[in-house]
N, C-alpha and C. Protein backbone atom coordinates (compact mmCIF):
# COMPACT_ATOMS: atom_id res chain seq x y z
N GLN A 1 -3.25 -19.91 -5.13
CA GLN A 1 -2.72 -18.89 -4.25
C GLN A 1 -2.53 -17.59 -5.00
N VAL A 2 -3.00 -16.50 -4.39
CA VAL A 2 -2.79 -15.18 -4.98
C VAL A 2 -1.33 -14.79 -4.83
N ARG A 3 -0.78 -14.21 -5.88
CA ARG A 3 0.58 -13.69 -5.83
C ARG A 3 0.51 -12.17 -5.94
N LEU A 4 1.18 -11.48 -5.03
CA LEU A 4 1.16 -10.03 -4.98
C LEU A 4 2.55 -9.50 -5.35
N VAL A 5 2.61 -8.54 -6.26
CA VAL A 5 3.88 -7.97 -6.70
C VAL A 5 3.80 -6.46 -6.61
N GLU A 6 4.56 -5.89 -5.68
CA GLU A 6 4.59 -4.45 -5.50
C GLU A 6 5.70 -3.82 -6.32
N SER A 7 5.48 -2.59 -6.77
CA SER A 7 6.48 -1.87 -7.54
C SER A 7 6.25 -0.37 -7.40
N GLY A 8 7.21 0.41 -7.88
CA GLY A 8 7.06 1.86 -7.91
C GLY A 8 7.83 2.61 -6.85
N GLY A 9 8.48 1.90 -5.95
CA GLY A 9 9.25 2.57 -4.92
C GLY A 9 10.51 3.20 -5.49
N GLY A 10 11.20 3.93 -4.63
CA GLY A 10 12.44 4.55 -5.07
C GLY A 10 12.92 5.57 -4.06
N LEU A 11 13.89 6.35 -4.49
CA LEU A 11 14.46 7.42 -3.67
C LEU A 11 13.89 8.75 -4.12
N VAL A 12 13.37 9.50 -3.17
CA VAL A 12 12.76 10.78 -3.50
C VAL A 12 13.07 11.77 -2.39
N GLN A 13 13.14 13.04 -2.75
CA GLN A 13 13.37 14.06 -1.73
C GLN A 13 12.08 14.36 -0.98
N ALA A 14 12.23 14.85 0.22
CA ALA A 14 11.06 15.25 1.01
C ALA A 14 10.25 16.27 0.22
N GLY A 15 8.94 16.10 0.26
CA GLY A 15 8.05 16.94 -0.51
C GLY A 15 7.69 16.38 -1.86
N GLY A 16 8.40 15.34 -2.27
CA GLY A 16 8.15 14.74 -3.57
C GLY A 16 7.02 13.73 -3.54
N SER A 17 6.82 13.06 -4.68
CA SER A 17 5.72 12.12 -4.84
C SER A 17 6.20 10.81 -5.44
N LEU A 18 5.47 9.77 -5.13
CA LEU A 18 5.66 8.47 -5.74
C LEU A 18 4.30 7.81 -5.90
N ARG A 19 4.21 6.92 -6.87
CA ARG A 19 2.99 6.14 -7.04
C ARG A 19 3.36 4.67 -7.00
N LEU A 20 2.87 3.97 -6.01
CA LEU A 20 3.12 2.54 -5.88
C LEU A 20 2.01 1.75 -6.57
N SER A 21 2.39 0.60 -7.09
CA SER A 21 1.43 -0.31 -7.72
C SER A 21 1.57 -1.68 -7.09
N CYS A 22 0.48 -2.40 -7.07
CA CYS A 22 0.49 -3.78 -6.58
C CYS A 22 -0.36 -4.61 -7.53
N ALA A 23 0.27 -5.53 -8.21
CA ALA A 23 -0.42 -6.40 -9.15
C ALA A 23 -0.73 -7.72 -8.48
N ALA A 24 -1.97 -8.17 -8.63
CA ALA A 24 -2.38 -9.46 -8.06
C ALA A 24 -2.63 -10.46 -9.17
N SER A 25 -2.31 -11.70 -8.89
CA SER A 25 -2.49 -12.75 -9.89
C SER A 25 -3.93 -13.16 -10.04
N GLY A 26 -4.77 -12.82 -9.03
CA GLY A 26 -6.18 -13.15 -9.10
C GLY A 26 -7.01 -11.90 -8.89
N ASN A 27 -8.31 -12.08 -8.67
CA ASN A 27 -9.20 -10.92 -8.54
C ASN A 27 -9.44 -10.54 -7.08
N THR A 28 -8.37 -10.63 -6.30
CA THR A 28 -8.51 -10.36 -4.87
C THR A 28 -8.95 -8.94 -4.57
N PHE A 29 -8.59 -7.98 -5.43
CA PHE A 29 -8.90 -6.60 -5.13
C PHE A 29 -10.37 -6.27 -5.33
N SER A 30 -11.09 -7.04 -6.08
CA SER A 30 -12.52 -6.80 -6.24
C SER A 30 -13.35 -7.60 -5.24
N LEU A 31 -12.78 -8.63 -4.68
CA LEU A 31 -13.53 -9.51 -3.78
C LEU A 31 -13.27 -9.24 -2.30
N ASN A 32 -12.22 -8.48 -2.00
CA ASN A 32 -11.82 -8.28 -0.61
C ASN A 32 -11.48 -6.82 -0.32
N ALA A 33 -11.65 -6.46 0.94
CA ALA A 33 -11.09 -5.19 1.39
C ALA A 33 -9.58 -5.37 1.43
N VAL A 34 -8.85 -4.43 0.89
CA VAL A 34 -7.40 -4.55 0.79
C VAL A 34 -6.74 -3.27 1.26
N GLY A 35 -5.43 -3.31 1.40
CA GLY A 35 -4.75 -2.13 1.88
C GLY A 35 -3.27 -2.14 1.60
N TRP A 36 -2.66 -1.01 1.89
CA TRP A 36 -1.22 -0.85 1.83
C TRP A 36 -0.66 -0.81 3.25
N TYR A 37 0.45 -1.53 3.41
CA TYR A 37 1.13 -1.62 4.68
C TYR A 37 2.55 -1.10 4.50
N ARG A 38 3.19 -0.76 5.60
CA ARG A 38 4.61 -0.43 5.54
C ARG A 38 5.30 -0.93 6.78
N ARG A 39 6.58 -1.21 6.60
CA ARG A 39 7.38 -1.71 7.71
C ARG A 39 8.73 -1.04 7.70
N THR A 40 9.14 -0.59 8.87
CA THR A 40 10.48 -0.05 9.06
C THR A 40 11.23 -0.97 10.00
N PRO A 41 12.56 -0.97 9.95
CA PRO A 41 13.35 -1.86 10.79
C PRO A 41 12.99 -1.72 12.27
N GLY A 42 12.76 -2.84 12.91
CA GLY A 42 12.47 -2.83 14.33
C GLY A 42 11.02 -2.55 14.68
N LYS A 43 10.20 -2.36 13.66
CA LYS A 43 8.79 -2.06 13.92
C LYS A 43 7.89 -3.10 13.26
N GLU A 44 6.69 -3.20 13.79
CA GLU A 44 5.70 -4.08 13.19
C GLU A 44 5.21 -3.48 11.88
N ARG A 45 4.79 -4.34 10.98
CA ARG A 45 4.17 -3.88 9.75
C ARG A 45 2.84 -3.23 10.10
N GLU A 46 2.60 -2.02 9.58
CA GLU A 46 1.38 -1.31 9.91
C GLU A 46 0.56 -1.03 8.65
N LEU A 47 -0.74 -1.11 8.83
CA LEU A 47 -1.66 -0.77 7.75
C LEU A 47 -1.78 0.75 7.68
N VAL A 48 -1.47 1.34 6.53
CA VAL A 48 -1.53 2.80 6.42
C VAL A 48 -2.72 3.28 5.60
N ALA A 49 -3.25 2.44 4.72
CA ALA A 49 -4.40 2.84 3.91
C ALA A 49 -5.19 1.60 3.53
N GLY A 50 -6.51 1.73 3.53
CA GLY A 50 -7.35 0.60 3.17
C GLY A 50 -8.47 1.04 2.25
N ILE A 51 -8.98 0.09 1.48
CA ILE A 51 -10.12 0.36 0.60
C ILE A 51 -11.03 -0.85 0.63
N THR A 52 -12.32 -0.60 0.82
CA THR A 52 -13.28 -1.69 0.90
C THR A 52 -13.74 -2.10 -0.50
N THR A 53 -14.51 -3.17 -0.58
CA THR A 53 -15.05 -3.59 -1.87
C THR A 53 -15.98 -2.53 -2.43
N GLY A 54 -16.58 -1.72 -1.55
CA GLY A 54 -17.46 -0.66 -2.01
C GLY A 54 -16.75 0.63 -2.34
N GLY A 55 -15.44 0.66 -2.11
CA GLY A 55 -14.66 1.84 -2.48
C GLY A 55 -14.41 2.82 -1.35
N THR A 56 -14.86 2.48 -0.15
CA THR A 56 -14.59 3.37 0.99
C THR A 56 -13.13 3.26 1.39
N THR A 57 -12.50 4.42 1.59
CA THR A 57 -11.08 4.44 1.92
C THR A 57 -10.86 4.91 3.36
N THR A 58 -9.81 4.39 3.96
CA THR A 58 -9.41 4.81 5.30
C THR A 58 -7.90 4.99 5.32
N TYR A 59 -7.45 5.87 6.19
CA TYR A 59 -6.02 6.17 6.30
C TYR A 59 -5.64 6.36 7.77
N VAL A 60 -4.40 6.04 8.08
CA VAL A 60 -3.91 6.40 9.39
C VAL A 60 -3.67 7.90 9.41
N PRO A 61 -3.76 8.53 10.58
CA PRO A 61 -3.63 9.99 10.63
C PRO A 61 -2.34 10.52 10.03
N SER A 62 -1.27 9.78 10.14
CA SER A 62 0.03 10.28 9.68
C SER A 62 0.11 10.44 8.17
N VAL A 63 -0.77 9.77 7.42
CA VAL A 63 -0.71 9.87 5.96
C VAL A 63 -1.96 10.51 5.38
N LYS A 64 -2.98 10.72 6.18
CA LYS A 64 -4.23 11.27 5.68
C LYS A 64 -4.00 12.64 5.08
N GLY A 65 -4.56 12.84 3.89
CA GLY A 65 -4.37 14.10 3.19
C GLY A 65 -3.16 14.11 2.29
N ARG A 66 -2.28 13.10 2.42
CA ARG A 66 -1.08 13.02 1.58
C ARG A 66 -1.09 11.78 0.69
N PHE A 67 -1.66 10.69 1.19
CA PHE A 67 -1.70 9.43 0.44
C PHE A 67 -3.11 9.18 -0.08
N THR A 68 -3.20 8.56 -1.25
CA THR A 68 -4.49 8.19 -1.82
C THR A 68 -4.43 6.76 -2.33
N ILE A 69 -5.30 5.91 -1.80
CA ILE A 69 -5.37 4.53 -2.25
C ILE A 69 -6.46 4.40 -3.30
N SER A 70 -6.19 3.59 -4.31
CA SER A 70 -7.19 3.35 -5.35
C SER A 70 -6.93 1.99 -5.96
N ARG A 71 -7.85 1.52 -6.78
CA ARG A 71 -7.66 0.22 -7.40
C ARG A 71 -8.30 0.21 -8.79
N ASP A 72 -7.78 -0.65 -9.61
CA ASP A 72 -8.35 -0.90 -10.94
C ASP A 72 -8.68 -2.39 -10.96
N THR A 73 -9.94 -2.71 -10.74
CA THR A 73 -10.31 -4.12 -10.63
C THR A 73 -10.16 -4.84 -11.96
N ALA A 74 -10.30 -4.12 -13.06
CA ALA A 74 -10.12 -4.76 -14.37
C ALA A 74 -8.68 -5.21 -14.58
N LYS A 75 -7.75 -4.48 -13.99
CA LYS A 75 -6.33 -4.82 -14.12
C LYS A 75 -5.81 -5.57 -12.90
N ASN A 76 -6.70 -5.84 -11.92
CA ASN A 76 -6.26 -6.49 -10.67
C ASN A 76 -5.06 -5.77 -10.07
N THR A 77 -5.14 -4.46 -10.00
CA THR A 77 -4.03 -3.65 -9.53
C THR A 77 -4.51 -2.65 -8.47
N LEU A 78 -3.70 -2.53 -7.44
CA LEU A 78 -3.94 -1.59 -6.35
C LEU A 78 -2.87 -0.51 -6.43
N TYR A 79 -3.25 0.72 -6.13
CA TYR A 79 -2.31 1.83 -6.21
C TYR A 79 -2.25 2.59 -4.89
N LEU A 80 -1.11 3.26 -4.70
CA LEU A 80 -0.99 4.19 -3.58
C LEU A 80 -0.25 5.41 -4.10
N GLN A 81 -0.98 6.50 -4.25
CA GLN A 81 -0.37 7.77 -4.63
C GLN A 81 0.11 8.45 -3.36
N MET A 82 1.39 8.75 -3.31
CA MET A 82 1.98 9.35 -2.12
C MET A 82 2.53 10.72 -2.48
N ASP A 83 1.96 11.74 -1.91
CA ASP A 83 2.38 13.12 -2.16
C ASP A 83 2.94 13.75 -0.89
N ASN A 84 3.70 14.82 -1.08
CA ASN A 84 4.28 15.53 0.06
C ASN A 84 4.96 14.55 1.02
N LEU A 85 5.81 13.73 0.46
CA LEU A 85 6.46 12.69 1.25
C LEU A 85 7.38 13.28 2.32
N LYS A 86 7.44 12.58 3.44
CA LYS A 86 8.27 12.99 4.56
C LYS A 86 9.30 11.91 4.84
N THR A 87 10.37 12.28 5.52
CA THR A 87 11.42 11.29 5.81
C THR A 87 10.87 10.12 6.61
N GLU A 88 9.87 10.38 7.45
CA GLU A 88 9.30 9.30 8.25
C GLU A 88 8.45 8.33 7.44
N ASP A 89 8.23 8.61 6.16
CA ASP A 89 7.52 7.67 5.29
C ASP A 89 8.47 6.60 4.74
N THR A 90 9.75 6.75 5.00
CA THR A 90 10.72 5.77 4.54
C THR A 90 10.39 4.39 5.13
N ALA A 91 10.21 3.41 4.26
CA ALA A 91 9.81 2.07 4.69
C ALA A 91 9.73 1.16 3.48
N VAL A 92 9.53 -0.11 3.75
CA VAL A 92 9.17 -1.05 2.69
C VAL A 92 7.64 -1.14 2.69
N TYR A 93 7.06 -0.98 1.53
CA TYR A 93 5.61 -0.95 1.41
C TYR A 93 5.10 -2.25 0.77
N TYR A 94 4.00 -2.75 1.33
CA TYR A 94 3.38 -3.99 0.89
C TYR A 94 1.89 -3.80 0.68
N CYS A 95 1.30 -4.66 -0.10
CA CYS A 95 -0.16 -4.68 -0.22
C CYS A 95 -0.65 -6.06 0.23
N ASN A 96 -1.88 -6.10 0.68
CA ASN A 96 -2.49 -7.36 1.09
C ASN A 96 -3.93 -7.09 1.47
N ARG A 97 -4.62 -8.10 1.88
CA ARG A 97 -5.98 -7.92 2.38
C ARG A 97 -5.92 -7.03 3.62
N ASP A 98 -7.05 -6.42 3.91
CA ASP A 98 -7.15 -5.57 5.09
C ASP A 98 -7.23 -6.47 6.32
N VAL A 99 -6.22 -6.39 7.16
CA VAL A 99 -6.10 -7.28 8.31
C VAL A 99 -7.25 -7.08 9.29
N ARG A 100 -7.89 -5.93 9.25
CA ARG A 100 -8.96 -5.65 10.21
C ARG A 100 -10.21 -6.48 9.92
N VAL A 101 -10.35 -6.96 8.69
CA VAL A 101 -11.56 -7.70 8.33
C VAL A 101 -11.27 -9.04 7.66
N ALA A 102 -10.05 -9.30 7.29
CA ALA A 102 -9.74 -10.51 6.55
C ALA A 102 -9.75 -11.73 7.46
N SER A 103 -10.32 -12.82 6.97
CA SER A 103 -10.27 -14.09 7.71
C SER A 103 -8.89 -14.72 7.59
N ARG A 104 -8.21 -14.41 6.50
CA ARG A 104 -6.83 -14.85 6.33
C ARG A 104 -6.15 -13.90 5.36
N MET A 105 -4.86 -13.81 5.46
CA MET A 105 -4.08 -12.95 4.59
C MET A 105 -3.56 -13.74 3.40
N SER A 106 -3.30 -13.03 2.32
CA SER A 106 -2.62 -13.65 1.19
C SER A 106 -1.13 -13.72 1.50
N PRO A 107 -0.39 -14.55 0.79
CA PRO A 107 1.07 -14.57 0.99
C PRO A 107 1.65 -13.18 0.69
N TRP A 108 2.56 -12.72 1.50
CA TRP A 108 3.13 -11.39 1.32
C TRP A 108 4.07 -11.39 0.11
N GLY A 109 4.05 -10.27 -0.61
CA GLY A 109 4.99 -10.09 -1.70
C GLY A 109 6.33 -9.61 -1.15
N GLN A 110 7.20 -9.22 -2.06
CA GLN A 110 8.54 -8.79 -1.64
C GLN A 110 8.56 -7.35 -1.16
N GLY A 111 7.50 -6.61 -1.45
CA GLY A 111 7.46 -5.22 -1.05
C GLY A 111 8.25 -4.33 -1.99
N THR A 112 8.10 -3.03 -1.81
CA THR A 112 8.86 -2.06 -2.59
C THR A 112 9.39 -1.00 -1.64
N GLN A 113 10.69 -0.71 -1.77
CA GLN A 113 11.36 0.21 -0.83
C GLN A 113 11.09 1.65 -1.23
N VAL A 114 10.66 2.43 -0.27
CA VAL A 114 10.51 3.87 -0.44
C VAL A 114 11.48 4.56 0.51
N THR A 115 12.33 5.39 -0.05
CA THR A 115 13.30 6.13 0.77
C THR A 115 13.12 7.62 0.50
N VAL A 116 12.86 8.36 1.56
CA VAL A 116 12.64 9.80 1.43
C VAL A 116 13.81 10.51 2.11
N SER A 117 14.53 11.30 1.34
CA SER A 117 15.70 12.01 1.86
C SER A 117 15.33 13.45 2.22
N SER A 118 16.06 13.99 3.17
CA SER A 118 15.76 15.36 3.63
C SER A 118 16.49 16.38 2.78
């Protein structure tokens, strides 16, 4: 079973930046399309950024131009660079396979909390 460990969250003021990391115990990031998700209380977990095995990236409109997803397959690590953060980006962030194409998801990690203050 792949184990996913997210890190890098924290408290930041609006307009600031954070870089999230997701370490995988296996080589899931080179073999699968993967992505970053976020969840806020009372809402479904949503996919906000994805990257294919070929390196093609996709973003939801609310983060496009501000977030950048990338991966280091040698380190089995996925990243999310978040710039110009807004209060509405406050959420717990997770990584996993891209739900749009995955036949099954990996077990979810604990996530990393991002809090953006005004």
